[in-house]
Amino acid sequence: MLEQAILDAFPTKAPRSAAERRKTANAADYVASAINSKGHLCAKPVEMRLAAPGQYGIGCVKYRSGEGAGIYLVDSRTGSVDEL
């Protein structure tokens, strides 16, 4: 489920319809919540890179004010999150 949310939060093509934009925003919120639930700060995920099968590097804006940046390694199989 986490892996699908990551892929939905960062689609290969820009979402065009309102439903696609809503799906992307909801998935990004889910990814941020998964990172936050592990004790890290992520107000908004802004980039994603595949690190290894099932592992993703997620770049986040840390604070709602738009300040701070963090990069996290998220393992979609175990749900673990490590700050890089």
Protein backbone atom coordinates (compact mmCIF):
# COMPACT_ATOMS: atom_id res chain seq x y z
CA MET A 1 0.00 0.00 0.00
CA LEU A 2 2.84 2.41 0.85
CA GLU A 3 4.61 1.66 -2.42
CA GLN A 4 1.46 2.38 -4.42
CA ALA A 5 0.98 5.64 -2.52
CA ILE A 6 4.55 6.66 -3.36
CA LEU A 7 3.99 5.89 -7.04
CA ASP A 8 0.64 7.72 -7.02
CA ALA A 9 2.17 10.77 -5.30
CA PHE A 10 4.75 11.11 -8.07
CA PRO A 11 3.05 10.20 -11.36
CA THR A 12 5.10 10.09 -14.56
CA LYS A 13 2.65 12.48 -16.26
CA ALA A 14 1.19 15.60 -14.69
CA PRO A 15 -2.37 14.98 -13.46
CA ARG A 16 -4.91 16.68 -15.71
CA SER A 17 -8.32 16.09 -14.20
CA ALA A 18 -9.53 17.14 -10.77
CA ALA A 19 -9.83 13.47 -9.79
CA GLU A 20 -6.21 12.79 -10.77
CA ARG A 21 -4.99 15.85 -8.85
CA ARG A 22 -6.98 14.76 -5.80
CA LYS A 23 -5.53 11.23 -6.02
CA THR A 24 -1.99 12.65 -6.24
CA ALA A 25 -2.56 14.99 -3.29
CA ASN A 26 -4.09 12.23 -1.15
CA ALA A 27 -1.19 9.90 -1.94
CA ALA A 28 1.34 12.63 -1.04
CA ASP A 29 -0.47 13.16 2.28
CA TYR A 30 -0.29 9.42 2.95
CA VAL A 31 3.46 9.34 2.22
CA ALA A 32 4.04 12.35 4.49
CA SER A 33 2.01 10.68 7.25
CA ALA A 34 4.00 7.46 6.90
CA ILE A 35 7.24 9.42 7.32
CA ASN A 36 5.87 11.50 10.20
CA SER A 37 4.60 8.39 12.01
CA LYS A 38 8.19 7.15 12.24
CA GLY A 39 9.26 10.30 14.11
CA HIS A 40 10.55 12.36 11.18
CA LEU A 41 9.30 15.65 9.75
CA CYS A 42 7.67 15.85 6.33
CA ALA A 43 5.09 18.53 5.61
CA LYS A 44 5.12 17.93 1.85
CA PRO A 45 6.91 15.30 -0.25
CA VAL A 46 8.44 17.03 -3.27
CA GLU A 47 10.59 14.40 -5.00
CA MET A 48 11.06 10.67 -5.25
CA ARG A 49 13.83 8.43 -6.54
CA LEU A 50 13.96 4.66 -6.66
CA ALA A 51 16.93 3.59 -4.53
CA ALA A 52 16.50 -0.19 -4.79
CA PRO A 53 13.55 -2.50 -5.38
CA GLY A 54 10.97 -1.50 -2.76
CA GLN A 55 13.10 1.37 -1.42
CA TYR A 56 12.57 5.00 -2.30
CA GLY A 57 14.39 8.21 -1.54
CA ILE A 58 11.77 10.82 -0.67
CA GLY A 59 12.66 14.51 -0.53
CA CYS A 60 10.42 16.57 1.74
CA VAL A 61 9.81 20.11 2.82
CA LYS A 62 9.99 19.67 6.60
CA TYR A 63 7.80 22.52 7.82
CA ARG A 64 4.44 23.89 6.65
CA SER A 65 6.04 27.33 6.39
CA GLY A 66 8.08 25.93 3.48
CA GLU A 67 11.33 25.95 5.40
CA GLY A 68 13.71 23.07 5.89
CA ALA A 69 14.38 20.07 3.72
CA GLY A 70 14.86 16.43 4.48
CA ILE A 71 15.64 13.32 2.49
CA TYR A 72 14.38 9.98 3.73
CA LEU A 73 14.91 6.38 2.66
CA VAL A 74 11.54 4.68 2.81
CA ASP A 75 11.32 0.89 2.61
CA SER A 76 7.85 0.17 1.28
CA ARG A 77 8.00 -3.48 2.35
CA THR A 78 8.84 -2.96 6.01
CA GLY A 79 7.60 0.60 6.44
CA SER A 80 10.93 1.72 7.89
CA VAL A 81 12.08 5.30 7.36
CA ASP A 82 15.66 6.52 7.75
CA GLU A 83 16.85 10.08 7.37
CA LEU A 84 19.74 10.47 4.95
